[in-house]
Amino acid sequence: MPEPSRARYPDDEGYAQRDGVRLFYEVYGNGEPTLFLLPHGVFAHSRAWKAQIPYLARHMRVVAYDERGSGRSDRPRGTAAFDVPELVHDAIAVMDATSTDRAVIVSAASACRSGLALAAGHPDRVAGCAFIGPYLPMTPWPPTNTMWKTYEEPRAWRRALRILRYTAGGIHVLVRSPDLRHTYARFARRVGFLEGVRKFNRHYVLRDQHGFVDWAARTLNFTEPHSTRAIEDEVAWGMETDAETTDDAWTALDFVDSLGLKDAARLRELCAGLRCPVLVLHGELDIAIPPAWGAAVAEASGGRFVTVTGAGHSPQGRKPVPVNLALREFAQACRAAEPMQRSHA
């Protein structure tokens, strides 16, 4: 099936290669600064930035690429292939292949782990760091704590008991925080206990990949009205890879964690050590990642926190205008601050 027409086509494209893995990239526009868009993961390749690229490429150079396991990039096997350090090295390889010495990096959701690790480990390559709905567990959140205990469990009855146990154990967190309580109420209404028990686990992913991708897109990622096209896109992009790769990437995200990115204290340490400006955008109605996490990232890093009104988990797709304006303003501010930053480096 041919690809739908684009609002803007790349000025250059190619492949970066690292350890036998090819990574497909595209370059748009020119000038400074370069906005480096990290991939969303194997669910959605670089086309997930389609609402940002045409506008931002009119004002600066934009680089986007497909994460290993998605789009036109290669699909290595094994959970270790998708660990965060591997993804960070991939990002550096793409920067080198596109002659990008330094860039303002933008990451969303789970890719914010790679974004944080890249900014913390390679400060000389990062002029600014923008996070959108960061999957960085800075405060307790019962659904995530439960997910870590149920994803690999094959028996539905044990998954159900663990959900009940860890949800009950997190009630005190919800009681103390009105914001988290309201977010959790929306989450519980949207997900549903029985459907969550049945579908959010490795065994369902491997048995019915389409069912899992479709459920995640409709239930968690696009909760706003009139999201039909966004859901269709995510399902189509997610089905371009295979179930084993999807499971490898998901397992690496939540269980390998070689950098300790599930630990709040470690995350605060990394955020506090960032040497670049930070912007955090978060949809006010996000039920997949609580807005409290985004606010905590901004506080720990000394960055700016912006709530995207009326948006859920993917504000860049459903509310692109405020997201694009915020990213443009941030990138231009980072460019203006560059000489001062370098003089103190």
C-alpha atoms as a PDB file:
ATOM      1  CA  MET A   1       0.000   0.000   0.000  1.00  0.00           C
ATOM      2  CA  PRO A   2       1.526   3.348  -1.040  1.00  0.00           C
ATOM      3  CA  GLU A   3       2.324   5.899   1.649  1.00  0.00           C
ATOM      4  CA  PRO A   4      -0.116   8.832   1.897  1.00  0.00           C
ATOM      5  CA  SER A   5       1.220  12.106   0.546  1.00  0.00           C
ATOM      6  CA  ARG A   6       3.202  14.250   2.967  1.00  0.00           C
ATOM      7  CA  ALA A   7       2.973  17.931   3.788  1.00  0.00           C
ATOM      8  CA  ARG A   8       6.776  18.044   3.482  1.00  0.00           C
ATOM      9  CA  TYR A   9       9.282  15.594   2.055  1.00  0.00           C
ATOM     10  CA  PRO A  10      12.855  15.213   3.334  1.00  0.00           C
ATOM     11  CA  ASP A  11      15.709  17.145   1.790  1.00  0.00           C
ATOM     12  CA  ASP A  12      18.023  14.231   2.505  1.00  0.00           C
ATOM     13  CA  GLU A  13      17.698  10.670   3.738  1.00  0.00           C
ATOM     14  CA  GLY A  14      19.924   7.680   4.321  1.00  0.00           C
ATOM     15  CA  TYR A  15      21.120   5.107   6.806  1.00  0.00           C
ATOM     16  CA  ALA A  16      23.442   5.291   9.772  1.00  0.00           C
ATOM     17  CA  GLN A  17      25.094   1.974  10.653  1.00  0.00           C
ATOM     18  CA  ARG A  18      26.200   0.780  14.058  1.00  0.00           C
ATOM     19  CA  ASP A  19      27.280  -2.734  15.005  1.00  0.00           C
ATOM     20  CA  GLY A  20      25.560  -4.174  11.955  1.00  0.00           C
ATOM     21  CA  VAL A  21      22.235  -2.388  12.559  1.00  0.00           C
ATOM     22  CA  ARG A  22      21.028   0.104   9.942  1.00  0.00           C
ATOM     23  CA  LEU A  23      19.058   3.132  11.146  1.00  0.00           C
ATOM     24  CA  PHE A  24      16.993   5.040   8.606  1.00  0.00           C
ATOM     25  CA  TYR A  25      17.017   8.834   8.944  1.00  0.00           C
ATOM     26  CA  GLU A  26      15.557  11.891   7.238  1.00  0.00           C
ATOM     27  CA  VAL A  27      16.764  15.508   7.262  1.00  0.00           C
ATOM     28  CA  TYR A  28      14.516  18.514   6.664  1.00  0.00           C
ATOM     29  CA  GLY A  29      15.331  22.202   6.261  1.00  0.00           C
ATOM     30  CA  ASN A  30      18.548  23.965   7.181  1.00  0.00           C
ATOM     31  CA  GLY A  31      19.930  26.578   9.523  1.00  0.00           C
ATOM     32  CA  GLU A  32      20.397  26.613  13.261  1.00  0.00           C
ATOM     33  CA  PRO A  33      19.639  25.081  15.599  1.00  0.00           C
ATOM     34  CA  THR A  34      19.098  21.456  14.626  1.00  0.00           C
ATOM     35  CA  LEU A  35      16.053  19.879  16.223  1.00  0.00           C
ATOM     36  CA  PHE A  36      16.781  16.186  16.734  1.00  0.00           C
ATOM     37  CA  LEU A  37      13.578  14.144  17.105  1.00  0.00           C
ATOM     38  CA  LEU A  38      14.075  10.875  18.924  1.00  0.00           C
ATOM     39  CA  PRO A  39      11.845   8.003  17.790  1.00  0.00           C
ATOM     40  CA  HIS A  40       8.739   7.062  19.752  1.00  0.00           C
ATOM     41  CA  GLY A  41       9.684   3.354  19.895  1.00  0.00           C
ATOM     42  CA  VAL A  42       8.627   0.336  17.878  1.00  0.00           C
ATOM     43  CA  PHE A  43       4.961   1.352  18.106  1.00  0.00           C
ATOM     44  CA  ALA A  44       5.480   4.461  16.008  1.00  0.00           C
ATOM     45  CA  HIS A  45       8.435   5.316  13.776  1.00  0.00           C
ATOM     46  CA  SER A  46       9.546   8.777  12.657  1.00  0.00           C
ATOM     47  CA  ARG A  47       6.261   9.491  10.851  1.00  0.00           C
ATOM     48  CA  ALA A  48       4.758   9.991  14.309  1.00  0.00           C
ATOM     49  CA  TRP A  49       6.364  13.451  14.127  1.00  0.00           C
ATOM     50  CA  LYS A  50       4.464  14.311  10.947  1.00  0.00           C
ATOM     51  CA  ALA A  51       2.543  17.135  12.646  1.00  0.00           C
ATOM     52  CA  GLN A  52       5.795  18.776  13.805  1.00  0.00           C
ATOM     53  CA  ILE A  53       8.200  18.414  10.891  1.00  0.00           C
ATOM     54  CA  PRO A  54       6.501  20.586   8.199  1.00  0.00           C
ATOM     55  CA  TYR A  55       6.171  23.580  10.537  1.00  0.00           C
ATOM     56  CA  LEU A  56       9.467  23.329  12.402  1.00  0.00           C
ATOM     57  CA  ALA A  57      11.512  22.673   9.240  1.00  0.00           C
ATOM     58  CA  ARG A  58      10.475  26.137   8.020  1.00  0.00           C
ATOM     59  CA  HIS A  59      12.401  27.655  10.902  1.00  0.00           C
ATOM     60  CA  MET A  60      15.304  25.277  11.599  1.00  0.00           C
ATOM     61  CA  ARG A  61      16.978  22.051  10.559  1.00  0.00           C
ATOM     62  CA  VAL A  62      15.106  18.921  11.676  1.00  0.00           C
ATOM     63  CA  VAL A  63      16.455  15.364  11.874  1.00  0.00           C
ATOM     64  CA  ALA A  64      14.197  12.359  12.510  1.00  0.00           C
ATOM     65  CA  TYR A  65      14.901   8.640  12.352  1.00  0.00           C
ATOM     66  CA  ASP A  66      13.306   5.234  12.874  1.00  0.00           C
ATOM     67  CA  GLU A  67      14.246   3.393  16.057  1.00  0.00           C
ATOM     68  CA  ARG A  68      15.771  -0.043  15.620  1.00  0.00           C
ATOM     69  CA  GLY A  69      12.862  -2.463  15.320  1.00  0.00           C
ATOM     70  CA  SER A  70      10.584  -0.023  13.486  1.00  0.00           C
ATOM     71  CA  GLY A  71       9.992   1.630  10.133  1.00  0.00           C
ATOM     72  CA  ARG A  72      12.848   1.238   7.674  1.00  0.00           C
ATOM     73  CA  SER A  73      15.453   0.490  10.330  1.00  0.00           C
ATOM     74  CA  ASP A  74      16.721  -3.031  11.020  1.00  0.00           C
ATOM     75  CA  ARG A  75      15.142  -5.372  13.541  1.00  0.00           C
ATOM     76  CA  PRO A  76      17.790  -6.948  15.759  1.00  0.00           C
ATOM     77  CA  ARG A  77      16.722  -9.811  18.017  1.00  0.00           C
ATOM     78  CA  GLY A  78      16.817 -10.068  21.778  1.00  0.00           C
ATOM     79  CA  THR A  79      15.855  -7.864  24.676  1.00  0.00           C
ATOM     80  CA  ALA A  80      19.426  -6.601  25.175  1.00  0.00           C
ATOM     81  CA  ALA A  81      19.353  -5.036  21.711  1.00  0.00           C
ATOM     82  CA  PHE A  82      16.755  -2.520  22.925  1.00  0.00           C
ATOM     83  CA  ASP A  83      18.341  -1.494  26.226  1.00  0.00           C
ATOM     84  CA  VAL A  84      18.583   2.272  26.692  1.00  0.00           C
ATOM     85  CA  PRO A  85      22.398   2.479  26.225  1.00  0.00           C
ATOM     86  CA  GLU A  86      21.983   0.808  22.815  1.00  0.00           C
ATOM     87  CA  LEU A  87      19.351   3.371  21.836  1.00  0.00           C
ATOM     88  CA  VAL A  88      21.587   6.233  22.993  1.00  0.00           C
ATOM     89  CA  HIS A  89      24.487   4.935  20.901  1.00  0.00           C
ATOM     90  CA  ASP A  90      22.076   4.728  17.954  1.00  0.00           C
ATOM     91  CA  ALA A  91      21.147   8.387  18.423  1.00  0.00           C
ATOM     92  CA  ILE A  92      24.828   9.396  18.444  1.00  0.00           C
ATOM     93  CA  ALA A  93      25.393   7.335  15.271  1.00  0.00           C
ATOM     94  CA  VAL A  94      22.553   9.160  13.508  1.00  0.00           C
ATOM     95  CA  MET A  95      23.883  12.519  14.686  1.00  0.00           C
ATOM     96  CA  ASP A  96      27.313  11.635  13.284  1.00  0.00           C
ATOM     97  CA  ALA A  97      25.848  10.378   9.980  1.00  0.00           C
ATOM     98  CA  THR A  98      23.884  13.606   9.532  1.00  0.00           C
ATOM     99  CA  SER A  99      26.799  15.863  10.535  1.00  0.00           C
ATOM    100  CA  THR A 100      24.913  17.033  13.608  1.00  0.00           C
ATOM    101  CA  ASP A 101      27.531  18.142  16.101  1.00  0.00           C
ATOM    102  CA  ARG A 102      25.040  19.544  18.589  1.00  0.00           C
ATOM    103  CA  ALA A 103      21.251  19.663  18.676  1.00  0.00           C
ATOM    104  CA  VAL A 104      18.148  20.412  20.676  1.00  0.00           C
ATOM    105  CA  ILE A 105      16.742  16.948  21.303  1.00  0.00           C
ATOM    106  CA  VAL A 106      13.042  16.169  21.615  1.00  0.00           C
ATOM    107  CA  SER A 107      11.662  12.932  23.036  1.00  0.00           C
ATOM    108  CA  ALA A 108       8.201  11.679  23.956  1.00  0.00           C
ATOM    109  CA  ALA A 109       6.862   9.085  26.399  1.00  0.00           C
ATOM    110  CA  SER A 110       9.172   6.054  26.689  1.00  0.00           C
ATOM    111  CA  ALA A 111      11.786   7.679  24.421  1.00  0.00           C
ATOM    112  CA  CYS A 112      12.374  10.235  27.185  1.00  0.00           C
ATOM    113  CA  ARG A 113      14.527   7.602  28.882  1.00  0.00           C
ATOM    114  CA  SER A 114      16.898   7.706  25.923  1.00  0.00           C
ATOM    115  CA  GLY A 115      16.585  11.491  25.813  1.00  0.00           C
ATOM    116  CA  LEU A 116      17.588  11.851  29.451  1.00  0.00           C
ATOM    117  CA  ALA A 117      20.458   9.369  29.125  1.00  0.00           C
ATOM    118  CA  LEU A 118      21.700  11.121  25.973  1.00  0.00           C
ATOM    119  CA  ALA A 119      21.627  14.573  27.566  1.00  0.00           C
ATOM    120  CA  ALA A 120      23.246  13.334  30.787  1.00  0.00           C
ATOM    121  CA  GLY A 121      25.929  11.197  29.140  1.00  0.00           C
ATOM    122  CA  HIS A 122      26.787  13.388  26.145  1.00  0.00           C
ATOM    123  CA  PRO A 123      26.283  17.008  27.241  1.00  0.00           C
ATOM    124  CA  ASP A 124      28.583  18.268  24.504  1.00  0.00           C
ATOM    125  CA  ARG A 125      26.076  17.036  21.882  1.00  0.00           C
ATOM    126  CA  VAL A 126      22.927  18.477  23.494  1.00  0.00           C
ATOM    127  CA  ALA A 127      22.039  22.189  23.390  1.00  0.00           C
ATOM    128  CA  GLY A 128      18.617  21.684  24.942  1.00  0.00           C
ATOM    129  CA  CYS A 129      16.317  18.869  25.999  1.00  0.00           C
ATOM    130  CA  ALA A 130      12.531  18.815  25.489  1.00  0.00           C
ATOM    131  CA  PHE A 131      10.456  16.027  27.037  1.00  0.00           C
ATOM    132  CA  ILE A 132       6.840  15.335  26.056  1.00  0.00           C
ATOM    133  CA  GLY A 133       4.876  13.276  28.580  1.00  0.00           C
ATOM    134  CA  PRO A 134       8.062  11.710  29.975  1.00  0.00           C
ATOM    135  CA  TYR A 135       7.950   8.061  31.026  1.00  0.00           C
ATOM    136  CA  LEU A 136      10.253   8.761  33.949  1.00  0.00           C
ATOM    137  CA  PRO A 137       8.688   7.446  37.193  1.00  0.00           C
ATOM    138  CA  MET A 138       9.529  10.310  39.510  1.00  0.00           C
ATOM    139  CA  THR A 139       6.587   9.768  41.884  1.00  0.00           C
ATOM    140  CA  PRO A 140       4.573   6.661  42.852  1.00  0.00           C
ATOM    141  CA  TRP A 141       1.879   5.673  40.330  1.00  0.00           C
ATOM    142  CA  PRO A 142      -0.065   2.445  41.045  1.00  0.00           C
ATOM    143  CA  PRO A 143      -0.748   1.391  37.399  1.00  0.00           C
ATOM    144  CA  THR A 144       2.969   1.381  36.567  1.00  0.00           C
ATOM    145  CA  ASN A 145       3.933  -0.432  39.750  1.00  0.00           C
ATOM    146  CA  THR A 146       1.285  -3.036  38.902  1.00  0.00           C
ATOM    147  CA  MET A 147       2.422  -3.361  35.287  1.00  0.00           C
ATOM    148  CA  TRP A 148       5.960  -4.216  36.360  1.00  0.00           C
ATOM    149  CA  LYS A 149       4.530  -7.134  38.358  1.00  0.00           C
ATOM    150  CA  THR A 150       2.053  -8.507  35.806  1.00  0.00           C
ATOM    151  CA  TYR A 151       3.479  -8.157  32.282  1.00  0.00           C
ATOM    152  CA  GLU A 152       5.435 -11.424  32.368  1.00  0.00           C
ATOM    153  CA  GLU A 153       2.882 -13.446  34.390  1.00  0.00           C
ATOM    154  CA  PRO A 154       1.201 -16.111  32.172  1.00  0.00           C
ATOM    155  CA  ARG A 155      -1.778 -16.843  34.444  1.00  0.00           C
ATOM    156  CA  ALA A 156      -4.699 -14.437  34.266  1.00  0.00           C
ATOM    157  CA  TRP A 157      -5.895 -15.148  37.808  1.00  0.00           C
ATOM    158  CA  ARG A 158      -2.491 -14.271  39.247  1.00  0.00           C
ATOM    159  CA  ARG A 159      -2.369 -11.067  37.177  1.00  0.00           C
ATOM    160  CA  ALA A 160      -5.777 -10.146  38.565  1.00  0.00           C
ATOM    161  CA  LEU A 161      -4.689 -10.743  42.157  1.00  0.00           C
ATOM    162  CA  ARG A 162      -1.515  -8.706  41.686  1.00  0.00           C
ATOM    163  CA  ILE A 163      -3.457  -5.815  40.174  1.00  0.00           C
ATOM    164  CA  LEU A 164      -5.795  -5.804  43.165  1.00  0.00           C
ATOM    165  CA  ARG A 165      -2.888  -6.092  45.589  1.00  0.00           C
ATOM    166  CA  TYR A 166      -0.725  -3.321  44.153  1.00  0.00           C
ATOM    167  CA  THR A 167      -3.658  -1.031  43.515  1.00  0.00           C
ATOM    168  CA  ALA A 168      -4.774  -1.415  47.121  1.00  0.00           C
ATOM    169  CA  GLY A 169      -1.192  -0.847  48.253  1.00  0.00           C
ATOM    170  CA  GLY A 170      -1.091   2.433  46.370  1.00  0.00           C
ATOM    171  CA  ILE A 171      -4.348   3.849  47.701  1.00  0.00           C
ATOM    172  CA  HIS A 172      -2.470   5.979  50.233  1.00  0.00           C
ATOM    173  CA  VAL A 173      -0.603   7.660  47.362  1.00  0.00           C
ATOM    174  CA  LEU A 174      -3.868   8.559  45.653  1.00  0.00           C
ATOM    175  CA  VAL A 175      -5.436   9.789  48.872  1.00  0.00           C
ATOM    176  CA  ARG A 176      -2.562  12.225  49.492  1.00  0.00           C
ATOM    177  CA  SER A 177      -2.579  13.639  45.950  1.00  0.00           C
ATOM    178  CA  PRO A 178      -5.799  15.026  44.442  1.00  0.00           C
ATOM    179  CA  ASP A 179      -4.147  15.361  41.022  1.00  0.00           C
ATOM    180  CA  LEU A 180      -3.085  11.709  40.985  1.00  0.00           C
ATOM    181  CA  ARG A 181      -6.497  10.671  42.283  1.00  0.00           C
ATOM    182  CA  HIS A 182      -8.280  12.389  39.398  1.00  0.00           C
ATOM    183  CA  THR A 183      -5.824  10.914  36.869  1.00  0.00           C
ATOM    184  CA  TYR A 184      -6.312   7.441  38.315  1.00  0.00           C
ATOM    185  CA  ALA A 185     -10.099   7.783  38.190  1.00  0.00           C
ATOM    186  CA  ARG A 186      -9.880   8.535  34.462  1.00  0.00           C
ATOM    187  CA  PHE A 187      -7.434   5.659  33.999  1.00  0.00           C
ATOM    188  CA  ALA A 188      -9.694   3.142  35.765  1.00  0.00           C
ATOM    189  CA  ARG A 189     -12.771   4.213  33.785  1.00  0.00           C
ATOM    190  CA  ARG A 190     -10.911   4.023  30.495  1.00  0.00           C
ATOM    191  CA  VAL A 191      -8.975   0.781  30.903  1.00  0.00           C
ATOM    192  CA  GLY A 192     -11.370  -1.473  32.747  1.00  0.00           C
ATOM    193  CA  PHE A 193     -10.190  -4.181  35.125  1.00  0.00           C
ATOM    194  CA  LEU A 194     -10.966  -7.302  33.081  1.00  0.00           C
ATOM    195  CA  GLU A 195      -9.604  -5.926  29.816  1.00  0.00           C
ATOM    196  CA  GLY A 196      -6.421  -4.809  31.536  1.00  0.00           C
ATOM    197  CA  VAL A 197      -5.972  -8.268  33.051  1.00  0.00           C
ATOM    198  CA  ARG A 198      -6.475  -9.940  29.680  1.00  0.00           C
ATOM    199  CA  LYS A 199      -4.488  -7.710  27.358  1.00  0.00           C
ATOM    200  CA  PHE A 200      -1.574  -6.081  29.152  1.00  0.00           C
ATOM    201  CA  ASN A 201       0.859  -8.989  29.241  1.00  0.00           C
ATOM    202  CA  ARG A 202       3.558 -10.559  27.105  1.00  0.00           C
ATOM    203  CA  HIS A 203       1.507 -13.625  26.260  1.00  0.00           C
ATOM    204  CA  TYR A 204      -1.303 -11.596  24.712  1.00  0.00           C
ATOM    205  CA  VAL A 205       1.228  -9.507  22.749  1.00  0.00           C
ATOM    206  CA  LEU A 206       2.770 -12.630  21.224  1.00  0.00           C
ATOM    207  CA  ARG A 207      -0.614 -14.273  20.583  1.00  0.00           C
ATOM    208  CA  ASP A 208      -2.503 -11.265  19.179  1.00  0.00           C
ATOM    209  CA  GLN A 209      -0.175  -8.397  18.348  1.00  0.00           C
ATOM    210  CA  HIS A 210      -2.837  -6.458  16.434  1.00  0.00           C
ATOM    211  CA  GLY A 211      -5.239  -6.723  19.339  1.00  0.00           C
ATOM    212  CA  PHE A 212      -2.604  -5.400  21.738  1.00  0.00           C
ATOM    213  CA  VAL A 213      -1.483  -2.494  19.540  1.00  0.00           C
ATOM    214  CA  ASP A 214      -5.068  -1.502  18.769  1.00  0.00           C
ATOM    215  CA  TRP A 215      -6.038  -1.696  22.460  1.00  0.00           C
ATOM    216  CA  ALA A 216      -3.085   0.420  23.578  1.00  0.00           C
ATOM    217  CA  ALA A 217      -3.731   3.055  20.907  1.00  0.00           C
ATOM    218  CA  ARG A 218      -7.462   3.346  21.642  1.00  0.00           C
ATOM    219  CA  THR A 219      -7.375   2.941  25.406  1.00  0.00           C
ATOM    220  CA  LEU A 220      -4.198   4.685  26.560  1.00  0.00           C
ATOM    221  CA  ASN A 221      -2.554   6.719  23.818  1.00  0.00           C
ATOM    222  CA  PHE A 222      -5.441   8.585  22.161  1.00  0.00           C
ATOM    223  CA  THR A 223      -8.260   9.283  24.578  1.00  0.00           C
ATOM    224  CA  GLU A 224      -9.398  12.541  22.974  1.00  0.00           C
ATOM    225  CA  PRO A 225     -12.558  12.641  20.818  1.00  0.00           C
ATOM    226  CA  HIS A 226     -12.129  12.390  17.045  1.00  0.00           C
ATOM    227  CA  SER A 227      -8.821  10.522  17.231  1.00  0.00           C
ATOM    228  CA  THR A 228      -9.712   7.971  14.557  1.00  0.00           C
ATOM    229  CA  ARG A 229      -6.894   8.845  12.164  1.00  0.00           C
ATOM    230  CA  ALA A 230      -4.279   9.003  14.909  1.00  0.00           C
ATOM    231  CA  ILE A 231      -5.339   5.552  16.126  1.00  0.00           C
ATOM    232  CA  GLU A 232      -5.300   4.114  12.606  1.00  0.00           C
ATOM    233  CA  ASP A 233      -1.806   5.498  12.022  1.00  0.00           C
ATOM    234  CA  GLU A 234      -0.410   4.081  15.261  1.00  0.00           C
ATOM    235  CA  VAL A 235      -1.911   0.655  14.621  1.00  0.00           C
ATOM    236  CA  ALA A 236      -0.539   0.617  11.063  1.00  0.00           C
ATOM    237  CA  TRP A 237       2.933   1.708  12.206  1.00  0.00           C
ATOM    238  CA  GLY A 238       2.930  -0.748  15.096  1.00  0.00           C
ATOM    239  CA  MET A 239       2.026  -3.630  12.795  1.00  0.00           C
ATOM    240  CA  GLU A 240       4.981  -2.921  10.505  1.00  0.00           C
ATOM    241  CA  THR A 241       7.126  -4.852  12.953  1.00  0.00           C
ATOM    242  CA  ASP A 242       6.573  -8.313  14.429  1.00  0.00           C
ATOM    243  CA  ALA A 243       5.279  -9.407  17.817  1.00  0.00           C
ATOM    244  CA  GLU A 244       8.654 -10.723  19.006  1.00  0.00           C
ATOM    245  CA  THR A 245      10.342  -7.371  18.357  1.00  0.00           C
ATOM    246  CA  THR A 246       7.486  -5.548  20.085  1.00  0.00           C
ATOM    247  CA  ASP A 247       7.911  -7.783  23.122  1.00  0.00           C
ATOM    248  CA  ASP A 248      11.705  -7.415  23.119  1.00  0.00           C
ATOM    249  CA  ALA A 249      11.437  -3.626  23.087  1.00  0.00           C
ATOM    250  CA  TRP A 250       8.743  -3.530  25.772  1.00  0.00           C
ATOM    251  CA  THR A 251      10.678  -5.907  28.023  1.00  0.00           C
ATOM    252  CA  ALA A 252      13.854  -3.849  27.627  1.00  0.00           C
ATOM    253  CA  LEU A 253      11.928  -0.708  28.493  1.00  0.00           C
ATOM    254  CA  ASP A 254      10.590  -1.980  31.794  1.00  0.00           C
ATOM    255  CA  PHE A 255      12.720  -4.899  32.958  1.00  0.00           C
ATOM    256  CA  VAL A 256      16.324  -4.612  31.719  1.00  0.00           C
ATOM    257  CA  ASP A 257      16.759  -1.036  33.002  1.00  0.00           C
ATOM    258  CA  SER A 258      20.557  -1.161  33.169  1.00  0.00           C
ATOM    259  CA  LEU A 259      20.730   2.575  33.961  1.00  0.00           C
ATOM    260  CA  GLY A 260      18.379   2.435  36.938  1.00  0.00           C
ATOM    261  CA  LEU A 261      15.686   4.514  35.242  1.00  0.00           C
ATOM    262  CA  LYS A 262      12.921   2.966  37.352  1.00  0.00           C
ATOM    263  CA  ASP A 263      14.424   4.495  40.491  1.00  0.00           C
ATOM    264  CA  ALA A 264      13.122   7.958  41.400  1.00  0.00           C
ATOM    265  CA  ALA A 265      16.276   8.967  43.262  1.00  0.00           C
ATOM    266  CA  ARG A 266      18.454   8.035  40.287  1.00  0.00           C
ATOM    267  CA  LEU A 267      16.183   9.961  37.929  1.00  0.00           C
ATOM    268  CA  ARG A 268      16.336  13.058  40.107  1.00  0.00           C
ATOM    269  CA  GLU A 269      20.123  12.809  40.168  1.00  0.00           C
ATOM    270  CA  LEU A 270      20.304  12.611  36.379  1.00  0.00           C
ATOM    271  CA  CYS A 271      17.834  15.476  35.913  1.00  0.00           C
ATOM    272  CA  ALA A 272      19.652  17.683  38.418  1.00  0.00           C
ATOM    273  CA  GLY A 273      22.921  17.092  36.581  1.00  0.00           C
ATOM    274  CA  LEU A 274      21.700  18.246  33.165  1.00  0.00           C
ATOM    275  CA  ARG A 275      23.777  21.126  31.816  1.00  0.00           C
ATOM    276  CA  CYS A 276      21.293  22.317  29.191  1.00  0.00           C
ATOM    277  CA  PRO A 277      17.913  24.091  29.230  1.00  0.00           C
ATOM    278  CA  VAL A 278      14.933  21.775  29.744  1.00  0.00           C
ATOM    279  CA  LEU A 279      11.320  22.001  28.578  1.00  0.00           C
ATOM    280  CA  VAL A 280       8.630  19.556  29.676  1.00  0.00           C
ATOM    281  CA  LEU A 281       5.282  19.392  27.864  1.00  0.00           C
ATOM    282  CA  HIS A 282       2.517  17.190  29.268  1.00  0.00           C
ATOM    283  CA  GLY A 283      -1.077  16.604  28.239  1.00  0.00           C
ATOM    284  CA  GLU A 284      -3.389  17.518  31.109  1.00  0.00           C
ATOM    285  CA  LEU A 285      -5.571  14.430  30.462  1.00  0.00           C
ATOM    286  CA  ASP A 286      -2.761  11.887  30.044  1.00  0.00           C
ATOM    287  CA  ILE A 287      -3.755   8.606  31.745  1.00  0.00           C
ATOM    288  CA  ALA A 288      -0.823   6.528  30.527  1.00  0.00           C
ATOM    289  CA  ILE A 289       1.772   8.741  32.239  1.00  0.00           C
ATOM    290  CA  PRO A 290       0.574  11.005  35.065  1.00  0.00           C
ATOM    291  CA  PRO A 291       1.272  14.731  34.568  1.00  0.00           C
ATOM    292  CA  ALA A 292       2.860  14.667  38.035  1.00  0.00           C
ATOM    293  CA  TRP A 293       5.830  12.862  36.471  1.00  0.00           C
ATOM    294  CA  GLY A 294       6.354  15.645  33.940  1.00  0.00           C
ATOM    295  CA  ALA A 295       6.096  18.292  36.635  1.00  0.00           C
ATOM    296  CA  ALA A 296       8.650  16.429  38.759  1.00  0.00           C
ATOM    297  CA  VAL A 297      11.091  16.175  35.828  1.00  0.00           C
ATOM    298  CA  ALA A 298      10.841  19.922  35.272  1.00  0.00           C
ATOM    299  CA  GLU A 299      11.346  20.659  38.957  1.00  0.00           C
ATOM    300  CA  ALA A 300      14.349  18.334  39.303  1.00  0.00           C
ATOM    301  CA  SER A 301      16.050  19.717  36.197  1.00  0.00           C
ATOM    302  CA  GLY A 302      15.219  23.374  36.790  1.00  0.00           C
ATOM    303  CA  GLY A 303      13.245  23.335  33.551  1.00  0.00           C
ATOM    304  CA  ARG A 304       9.967  24.828  32.406  1.00  0.00           C
ATOM    305  CA  PHE A 305       6.749  22.822  32.707  1.00  0.00           C
ATOM    306  CA  VAL A 306       3.915  23.434  30.240  1.00  0.00           C
ATOM    307  CA  THR A 307       0.513  21.776  30.456  1.00  0.00           C
ATOM    308  CA  VAL A 308      -1.104  21.119  27.072  1.00  0.00           C
ATOM    309  CA  THR A 309      -4.776  21.795  27.721  1.00  0.00           C
ATOM    310  CA  GLY A 310      -7.254  19.212  26.498  1.00  0.00           C
ATOM    311  CA  ALA A 311      -4.543  16.778  25.400  1.00  0.00           C
ATOM    312  CA  GLY A 312      -3.943  13.197  26.457  1.00  0.00           C
ATOM    313  CA  HIS A 313      -0.889  10.982  26.102  1.00  0.00           C
ATOM    314  CA  SER A 314       0.226  12.240  22.663  1.00  0.00           C
ATOM    315  CA  PRO A 315      -0.209  16.025  22.578  1.00  0.00           C
ATOM    316  CA  GLN A 316       2.203  16.269  19.647  1.00  0.00           C
ATOM    317  CA  GLY A 317      -0.312  14.324  17.551  1.00  0.00           C
ATOM    318  CA  ARG A 318      -3.626  15.684  18.820  1.00  0.00           C
ATOM    319  CA  LYS A 319      -2.667  19.241  19.824  1.00  0.00           C
ATOM    320  CA  PRO A 320       0.222  20.049  17.463  1.00  0.00           C
ATOM    321  CA  VAL A 321      -0.172  23.840  17.371  1.00  0.00           C
ATOM    322  CA  PRO A 322       0.708  24.599  21.030  1.00  0.00           C
ATOM    323  CA  VAL A 323       3.358  21.863  20.979  1.00  0.00           C
ATOM    324  CA  ASN A 324       4.985  23.214  17.807  1.00  0.00           C
ATOM    325  CA  LEU A 325       4.977  26.794  19.061  1.00  0.00           C
ATOM    326  CA  ALA A 326       6.525  25.732  22.367  1.00  0.00           C
ATOM    327  CA  LEU A 327       9.220  23.666  20.643  1.00  0.00           C
ATOM    328  CA  ARG A 328      10.086  26.478  18.240  1.00  0.00           C
ATOM    329  CA  GLU A 329      10.349  29.031  21.057  1.00  0.00           C
ATOM    330  CA  PHE A 330      12.437  26.647  23.152  1.00  0.00           C
ATOM    331  CA  ALA A 331      14.829  25.752  20.320  1.00  0.00           C
ATOM    332  CA  GLN A 332      15.372  29.395  19.429  1.00  0.00           C
ATOM    333  CA  ALA A 333      16.047  30.236  23.080  1.00  0.00           C
ATOM    334  CA  CYS A 334      18.580  27.400  23.255  1.00  0.00           C
ATOM    335  CA  ARG A 335      20.312  28.768  20.172  1.00  0.00           C
ATOM    336  CA  ALA A 336      20.505  32.232  21.687  1.00  0.00           C
ATOM    337  CA  ALA A 337      21.990  30.785  24.871  1.00  0.00           C
ATOM    338  CA  GLU A 338      24.610  28.674  23.085  1.00  0.00           C
ATOM    339  CA  PRO A 339      27.488  31.173  23.086  1.00  0.00           C
ATOM    340  CA  MET A 340      27.039  31.770  26.834  1.00  0.00           C
ATOM    341  CA  GLN A 341      26.866  28.035  27.546  1.00  0.00           C
ATOM    342  CA  ARG A 342      30.007  27.302  25.576  1.00  0.00           C
ATOM    343  CA  SER A 343      31.944  30.149  27.164  1.00  0.00           C
ATOM    344  CA  HIS A 344      31.342  28.533  30.572  1.00  0.00           C
ATOM    345  CA  ALA A 345      31.964  24.952  29.423  1.00  0.00           C
END
